[in-house]
Amino acid sequence: MRRSVYLVICILLSGIAGFFYYSQTRQATAVVAARDLTVGTRIQDSDVSLRQINPASVSHEVMKTLDQVVGQVVAVPILEGQFLDARQVAPARNAAMLGSGLDMPSGYRIIGLPIAPAAAVGGALKPGDRVDVMAIAGGTKATTLADQPLATPMLLGKDVLVIGLRTEQGTPVDQAEHGLSAGTSKLASILLAIPQNDEESYSAAMASSTFVLTLSTD
């Protein structure tokens, strides 16, 4: 009788040990980036690959199949070889991907305007601010009163939502520096949410104008 009990215990312990061994060594697939993926990229087959992994070694949010990611849009920067997490992609491009976390108003578009800090409230703007946008035709730093008469500013938009600020490298401006740094965080462009109907007027102004922003305080 005692021998039978020992035998049953031995079998149970062996089964438990086998279960834990299998759970620690079984393999599954996970999606990894085949190259660096920037925000806004719509993922193609060539952008990703599958890797065999131990499921216990990665977050449950990691994508398991290519079908889960191909066609999705990158919401945060993803480095080559990095596992793709469900929180890193989205079905479509939107303003939240630009780092501001702001929702895009319906019927609006995002446009980036080249701007100098001095012409953008000293560069002290931040996502969520509201600005008036003025275009000065032919305005350049080299233009002087002797060259030509002063151009009359044209109001392009009132109470325009600021989505983000970008450096010359296209990276977000360090908000702690307010766009005034002489280093890589210097403000070079500003992202605005504009009505779809205003796209043509903004685009035309970009070809021949400089811009001045004033902060709406109402």
Protein backbone atom coordinates (compact mmCIF):
# COMPACT_ATOMS: atom_id res chain seq x y z
CA MET A 1 0.00 0.00 0.00
CA ARG A 2 2.73 2.42 1.00
CA ARG A 3 4.60 1.60 -2.21
CA SER A 4 1.51 2.50 -4.28
CA VAL A 5 1.20 5.84 -2.50
CA TYR A 6 4.84 6.64 -3.19
CA LEU A 7 4.37 5.68 -6.82
CA VAL A 8 1.36 8.01 -7.20
CA ILE A 9 3.23 10.88 -5.54
CA CYS A 10 6.21 10.28 -7.82
CA ILE A 11 3.98 10.36 -10.90
CA LEU A 12 2.28 13.58 -9.75
CA LEU A 13 5.60 15.29 -9.07
CA SER A 14 6.94 14.19 -12.44
CA GLY A 15 3.84 15.58 -14.15
CA ILE A 16 4.16 18.90 -12.35
CA ALA A 17 7.85 19.13 -13.22
CA GLY A 18 7.09 18.32 -16.85
CA PHE A 19 4.39 20.99 -16.99
CA PHE A 20 6.70 23.69 -15.65
CA TYR A 21 9.49 22.60 -18.01
CA TYR A 22 7.15 22.78 -21.01
CA SER A 23 5.75 26.19 -19.99
CA GLN A 24 9.25 27.58 -19.73
CA THR A 25 10.61 26.12 -22.96
CA ARG A 26 7.66 26.15 -25.39
CA GLN A 27 8.02 28.54 -28.31
CA ALA A 28 5.69 31.07 -29.90
CA THR A 29 6.04 33.77 -32.54
CA ALA A 30 6.35 37.52 -32.02
CA VAL A 31 6.52 40.39 -34.50
CA VAL A 32 9.72 42.46 -34.61
CA ALA A 33 10.65 45.54 -36.65
CA ALA A 34 12.89 44.79 -39.64
CA ARG A 35 14.06 48.42 -39.70
CA ASP A 36 13.57 51.65 -37.76
CA LEU A 37 9.94 52.78 -38.09
CA THR A 38 9.01 56.42 -37.68
CA VAL A 39 5.72 57.84 -36.46
CA GLY A 40 3.06 57.87 -39.17
CA THR A 41 4.56 55.00 -41.20
CA ARG A 42 1.97 52.58 -42.55
CA ILE A 43 3.50 49.16 -41.89
CA GLN A 44 4.27 46.94 -44.89
CA ASP A 45 5.30 43.27 -45.03
CA SER A 46 8.95 44.28 -45.56
CA ASP A 47 8.93 46.40 -42.37
CA VAL A 48 8.42 43.48 -39.99
CA SER A 49 9.35 39.84 -39.44
CA LEU A 50 8.53 36.97 -37.06
CA ARG A 51 10.80 35.69 -34.30
CA GLN A 52 10.53 32.55 -32.20
CA ILE A 53 10.34 33.44 -28.52
CA ASN A 54 9.42 32.08 -25.14
CA PRO A 55 5.97 33.59 -24.42
CA ALA A 56 6.92 34.18 -20.79
CA SER A 57 9.78 36.45 -21.86
CA VAL A 58 7.66 39.20 -23.47
CA SER A 59 4.62 41.29 -22.61
CA HIS A 60 1.21 39.91 -23.52
CA GLU A 61 0.73 43.09 -25.59
CA VAL A 62 3.38 41.97 -28.12
CA MET A 63 1.88 41.14 -31.53
CA LYS A 64 2.01 37.47 -32.47
CA THR A 65 1.20 37.47 -36.22
CA LEU A 66 2.00 39.69 -39.21
CA ASP A 67 -1.71 40.13 -39.92
CA GLN A 68 -2.01 42.05 -36.66
CA VAL A 69 0.42 44.78 -37.75
CA VAL A 70 0.56 44.99 -41.56
CA GLY A 71 -1.55 47.97 -42.62
CA GLN A 72 -1.42 49.57 -39.17
CA VAL A 73 0.21 52.98 -38.61
CA VAL A 74 3.17 53.51 -36.29
CA ALA A 75 2.11 55.66 -33.31
CA VAL A 76 5.48 55.87 -31.51
CA PRO A 77 9.04 55.41 -32.85
CA ILE A 78 10.03 51.73 -33.15
CA LEU A 79 13.66 50.65 -33.49
CA GLU A 80 14.96 47.82 -35.67
CA GLY A 81 14.73 44.51 -33.80
CA GLN A 82 12.20 45.83 -31.29
CA PHE A 83 9.06 43.79 -30.57
CA LEU A 84 5.87 45.46 -31.80
CA ASP A 85 3.44 46.19 -29.02
CA ALA A 86 -0.28 46.74 -29.58
CA ARG A 87 0.12 50.13 -27.92
CA GLN A 88 2.66 51.24 -30.55
CA VAL A 89 0.32 51.13 -33.54
CA ALA A 90 -3.04 52.55 -34.56
CA PRO A 91 -5.50 51.95 -37.42
CA ALA A 92 -5.03 55.45 -38.87
CA ARG A 93 -2.87 58.54 -38.63
CA ASN A 94 -4.03 61.13 -36.13
CA ALA A 95 -2.75 64.08 -34.13
CA ALA A 96 -2.14 61.98 -31.03
CA MET A 97 0.72 60.28 -32.89
CA LEU A 98 2.61 63.56 -33.03
CA GLY A 99 3.30 63.42 -29.33
CA SER A 100 0.75 65.97 -28.21
CA GLY A 101 -1.97 63.52 -27.23
CA LEU A 102 -4.51 65.92 -28.76
CA ASP A 103 -7.47 64.63 -30.75
CA MET A 104 -7.77 65.86 -34.33
CA PRO A 105 -10.95 67.92 -34.84
CA SER A 106 -13.28 66.40 -37.43
CA GLY A 107 -12.80 67.88 -40.91
CA TYR A 108 -9.37 69.28 -40.10
CA ARG A 109 -5.88 68.61 -41.48
CA ILE A 110 -2.41 68.92 -39.94
CA ILE A 111 0.04 71.26 -41.66
CA GLY A 112 3.60 72.19 -40.74
CA LEU A 113 4.70 75.81 -41.19
CA PRO A 114 8.36 76.92 -41.17
CA ILE A 115 8.76 79.41 -38.37
CA ALA A 116 11.46 81.21 -36.40
CA PRO A 117 11.16 81.39 -32.58
CA ALA A 118 10.91 85.20 -32.68
CA ALA A 119 7.90 84.97 -34.99
CA ALA A 120 6.19 82.36 -32.80
CA VAL A 121 5.75 84.17 -29.47
CA GLY A 122 9.44 83.70 -28.77
CA GLY A 123 9.08 79.95 -29.26
CA ALA A 124 7.17 79.69 -25.99
CA LEU A 125 4.20 77.91 -27.52
CA LYS A 126 3.07 74.41 -26.61
CA PRO A 127 0.58 71.85 -27.95
CA GLY A 128 -2.95 72.92 -27.16
CA ASP A 129 -2.30 76.66 -27.49
CA ARG A 130 -4.47 78.72 -29.83
CA VAL A 131 -2.83 81.16 -32.23
CA ASP A 132 -3.66 83.62 -34.98
CA VAL A 133 -1.61 82.96 -38.12
CA MET A 134 -0.43 85.80 -40.37
CA ALA A 135 1.48 85.49 -43.66
CA ILE A 136 3.82 88.20 -44.96
CA ALA A 137 4.35 87.86 -48.69
CA GLY A 138 8.00 87.96 -49.74
CA GLY A 139 9.14 88.52 -46.19
CA THR A 140 12.75 87.42 -45.52
CA LYS A 141 15.46 88.34 -43.06
CA ALA A 142 17.34 90.05 -45.90
CA THR A 143 14.42 92.32 -46.83
CA THR A 144 14.84 95.94 -45.74
CA LEU A 145 12.89 99.13 -46.21
CA ALA A 146 15.33 100.15 -48.93
CA ASP A 147 14.64 97.00 -50.90
CA GLN A 148 10.86 97.29 -51.16
CA PRO A 149 7.81 98.61 -49.31
CA LEU A 150 6.69 96.65 -46.30
CA ALA A 151 4.20 93.94 -47.22
CA THR A 152 0.82 93.95 -45.54
CA PRO A 153 0.34 90.87 -43.33
CA MET A 154 -2.53 88.62 -44.39
CA LEU A 155 -4.54 86.85 -41.71
CA LEU A 156 -4.67 83.15 -42.63
CA GLY A 157 -6.41 81.78 -39.56
CA LYS A 158 -7.78 82.78 -36.17
CA ASP A 159 -7.79 80.67 -33.02
CA VAL A 160 -5.82 77.89 -34.75
CA LEU A 161 -4.95 74.85 -32.62
CA VAL A 162 -1.23 74.14 -32.11
CA ILE A 163 -0.59 70.40 -32.44
CA GLY A 164 3.17 70.34 -31.95
CA LEU A 165 6.55 72.02 -32.43
CA ARG A 166 9.42 70.50 -34.41
CA THR A 167 13.18 71.00 -34.66
CA GLU A 168 15.17 71.22 -37.90
CA GLN A 169 15.58 67.43 -37.62
CA GLY A 170 11.82 66.92 -37.37
CA THR A 171 11.93 65.82 -33.74
CA PRO A 172 9.66 67.34 -31.06
CA VAL A 173 10.99 70.51 -29.45
CA ASP A 174 12.00 70.07 -25.83
CA GLN A 175 9.20 71.92 -24.03
CA ALA A 176 11.53 72.68 -21.12
CA GLU A 177 13.58 74.81 -23.53
CA HIS A 178 10.53 76.48 -25.14
CA GLY A 179 12.12 76.34 -28.57
CA LEU A 180 14.85 78.85 -27.68
CA SER A 181 17.85 76.52 -27.48
CA ALA A 182 20.69 77.04 -29.91
CA GLY A 183 21.20 73.30 -30.03
CA THR A 184 19.23 70.55 -31.69
CA SER A 185 16.02 71.55 -29.93
CA LYS A 186 15.74 74.88 -31.73
CA LEU A 187 12.25 75.52 -33.09
CA ALA A 188 12.06 75.23 -36.89
CA SER A 189 8.42 74.46 -37.67
CA ILE A 190 5.05 74.35 -36.02
CA LEU A 191 2.23 71.86 -36.59
CA LEU A 192 -1.25 73.34 -36.82
CA ALA A 193 -4.74 71.88 -37.17
CA ILE A 194 -6.46 73.77 -39.98
CA PRO A 195 -9.86 73.38 -41.65
CA GLN A 196 -9.69 71.26 -44.79
CA ASN A 197 -11.01 74.20 -46.82
CA ASP A 198 -7.98 76.31 -45.81
CA GLU A 199 -5.36 73.89 -47.18
CA GLU A 200 -4.93 75.74 -50.47
CA SER A 201 -4.47 79.18 -48.91
CA TYR A 202 -1.87 77.89 -46.45
CA SER A 203 -0.03 75.94 -49.14
CA ALA A 204 0.06 78.97 -51.47
CA ALA A 205 1.38 81.17 -48.67
CA MET A 206 4.18 78.71 -47.88
CA ALA A 207 5.61 79.16 -51.37
CA SER A 208 6.28 82.88 -51.02
CA SER A 209 5.65 84.06 -47.46
CA THR A 210 7.00 84.04 -43.96
CA PHE A 211 4.70 83.54 -41.00
CA VAL A 212 4.02 85.29 -37.72
CA LEU A 213 1.98 83.72 -34.92
CA THR A 214 0.27 85.55 -32.11
CA LEU A 215 -1.06 83.79 -29.03
CA SER A 216 -4.82 83.87 -28.55
CA THR A 217 -5.65 84.62 -24.90
CA ASP A 218 -9.43 84.88 -25.13
